[in-house]
Amino acid sequence: MVVPHHPAGARLARHRLADDLADVVPPALLADLIAVLAELVGNSVRHARPLPGGVVRVAWRLRPSANGPRIQLRVTDGGAATGPRIRTAGLDAADGRGLHIVAGLATRWGVERDGMGQRVWAEFDPTPRLVAAN
């Protein structure tokens, strides 16, 4: 799907992802997917150039596996002078934690670049999640 290179683009992408996957993945995983997609689109809008037409391309793919679907999220934009990287944010910093969230929720993530821009992706493997007891 294509969304505007604008903060509203993240909202549109979140809603579409939720509509498409609500009956496919468990609610806790869907919440993680929505959080990661919001971070990736938000980072694209904040730090990268848009694709031609002032847009960002957002996609997700499910691949079946014995334990459930393996899911990949992708956000493609026009790129930036520097690529996405995890930063150290101080306690009082207003930003700088987004890719920590992505790395903490996704199984793996990365960046691919070509002559047209960049794609940031995050993958989720269908492994059981450990829940901390209180």
Protein backbone atom coordinates (compact mmCIF):
# COMPACT_ATOMS: atom_id res chain seq x y z
CA MET A 1 0.00 0.00 0.00
CA VAL A 2 1.05 3.61 -0.46
CA VAL A 3 0.59 6.21 2.28
CA PRO A 4 1.35 9.93 2.39
CA HIS A 5 4.82 10.97 3.56
CA HIS A 6 3.10 12.65 6.49
CA PRO A 7 2.36 11.65 10.09
CA ALA A 8 -1.16 10.63 9.00
CA GLY A 9 0.49 7.95 6.84
CA ALA A 10 1.44 5.98 9.95
CA ARG A 11 -2.17 5.99 11.14
CA LEU A 12 -3.43 4.78 7.76
CA ALA A 13 -0.84 1.99 7.67
CA ARG A 14 -1.65 0.87 11.24
CA HIS A 15 -5.36 0.65 10.52
CA ARG A 16 -4.89 -1.28 7.28
CA LEU A 17 -2.48 -3.73 8.93
CA ALA A 18 -4.92 -4.28 11.81
CA ASP A 19 -7.81 -4.85 9.39
CA ASP A 20 -5.80 -7.29 7.25
CA LEU A 21 -4.26 -9.37 10.06
CA ALA A 22 -6.78 -9.25 12.93
CA ASP A 23 -8.13 -12.72 12.10
CA VAL A 24 -4.73 -14.16 11.14
CA VAL A 25 -2.37 -13.54 14.06
CA PRO A 26 -2.80 -13.54 17.85
CA PRO A 27 -3.71 -10.17 19.42
CA ALA A 28 -0.35 -9.77 21.22
CA LEU A 29 1.56 -10.30 17.98
CA LEU A 30 -0.75 -7.92 16.13
CA ALA A 31 -0.05 -5.26 18.76
CA ASP A 32 3.71 -5.74 18.21
CA LEU A 33 3.30 -5.55 14.43
CA ILE A 34 1.28 -2.34 14.72
CA ALA A 35 3.85 -0.76 17.07
CA VAL A 36 6.77 -1.65 14.79
CA LEU A 37 5.00 -0.49 11.63
CA ALA A 38 4.14 2.82 13.31
CA GLU A 39 7.80 3.32 14.28
CA LEU A 40 9.07 2.48 10.79
CA VAL A 41 6.61 4.77 9.01
CA GLY A 42 7.14 7.52 11.60
CA ASN A 43 10.91 7.29 11.15
CA SER A 44 10.48 7.44 7.39
CA VAL A 45 8.37 10.58 7.62
CA ARG A 46 10.68 12.21 10.15
CA HIS A 47 14.08 11.33 8.70
CA ALA A 48 13.83 10.31 5.03
CA ARG A 49 12.76 11.79 1.73
CA PRO A 50 9.48 10.63 0.19
CA LEU A 51 9.21 8.50 -2.90
CA PRO A 52 8.05 10.30 -6.06
CA GLY A 53 4.53 11.58 -5.49
CA GLY A 54 5.21 12.41 -1.82
CA VAL A 55 4.50 8.90 -0.58
CA VAL A 56 5.96 5.99 1.39
CA ARG A 57 5.39 2.39 0.34
CA VAL A 58 4.29 0.00 3.12
CA ALA A 59 3.96 -3.76 2.74
CA TRP A 60 3.68 -6.93 4.78
CA ARG A 61 4.09 -10.54 3.80
CA LEU A 62 3.07 -13.71 5.61
CA ARG A 63 4.88 -16.94 4.90
CA PRO A 64 3.49 -20.15 6.36
CA SER A 65 5.62 -22.25 8.68
CA ALA A 66 4.96 -25.22 10.95
CA ASN A 67 4.61 -22.93 13.99
CA GLY A 68 2.45 -20.24 12.37
CA PRO A 69 2.98 -17.40 9.93
CA ARG A 70 6.37 -15.75 9.60
CA ILE A 71 5.70 -12.05 8.97
CA GLN A 72 7.81 -9.37 7.33
CA LEU A 73 6.96 -5.66 7.41
CA ARG A 74 8.60 -3.33 4.86
CA VAL A 75 8.65 0.46 4.59
CA THR A 76 10.20 1.96 1.46
CA ASP A 77 11.03 5.65 1.12
CA GLY A 78 13.37 7.93 -0.81
CA GLY A 79 16.24 7.46 1.65
CA ALA A 80 18.22 9.94 3.71
CA ALA A 81 21.78 11.20 3.99
CA THR A 82 22.40 8.70 6.79
CA GLY A 83 20.74 5.34 7.24
CA PRO A 84 18.63 4.20 10.17
CA ARG A 85 20.66 3.12 13.19
CA ILE A 86 20.03 2.48 16.84
CA ARG A 87 21.04 5.49 18.92
CA THR A 88 21.67 5.95 22.59
CA ALA A 89 19.02 8.26 24.02
CA GLY A 90 19.45 10.00 27.34
CA LEU A 91 16.73 9.84 29.98
CA ASP A 92 15.51 13.32 29.07
CA ALA A 93 15.72 12.89 25.29
CA ALA A 94 12.43 13.40 23.47
CA ASP A 95 13.27 10.86 20.78
CA GLY A 96 15.85 8.26 19.76
CA ARG A 97 14.16 5.12 21.08
CA GLY A 98 12.17 3.97 18.05
CA LEU A 99 14.63 1.46 16.65
CA HIS A 100 15.15 0.06 20.16
CA ILE A 101 11.43 -0.73 20.10
CA VAL A 102 11.75 -2.31 16.66
CA ALA A 103 14.76 -4.40 17.70
CA GLY A 104 13.05 -5.47 20.92
CA LEU A 105 9.81 -6.61 19.30
CA ALA A 106 10.97 -8.00 15.95
CA THR A 107 13.02 -11.15 15.50
CA ARG A 108 15.38 -9.21 13.22
CA TRP A 109 15.39 -5.99 11.21
CA GLY A 110 17.55 -4.34 8.59
CA VAL A 111 17.95 -1.81 5.81
CA GLU A 112 18.35 -2.31 2.07
CA ARG A 113 19.35 0.49 -0.28
CA ASP A 114 19.23 0.85 -4.02
CA GLY A 115 19.42 3.75 -6.45
CA MET A 116 15.81 4.73 -5.74
CA GLY A 117 15.92 4.92 -1.94
CA GLN A 118 15.81 2.58 1.01
CA ARG A 119 13.68 -0.18 2.49
CA VAL A 120 13.60 -0.81 6.22
CA TRP A 121 12.22 -4.20 7.15
CA ALA A 122 11.38 -6.11 10.30
CA GLU A 123 10.66 -9.83 10.57
CA PHE A 124 8.70 -11.75 13.16
CA ASP A 125 9.16 -15.50 13.57
CA PRO A 126 6.26 -17.55 14.96
CA THR A 127 7.95 -18.59 18.19
CA PRO A 128 6.22 -18.78 21.55
CA ARG A 129 6.66 -15.62 23.60
CA LEU A 130 7.72 -15.76 27.21
CA VAL A 131 5.53 -13.81 29.57
CA ALA A 132 7.02 -12.59 32.84
CA ALA A 133 5.09 -13.56 35.95
CA ASN A 134 4.39 -10.94 38.58
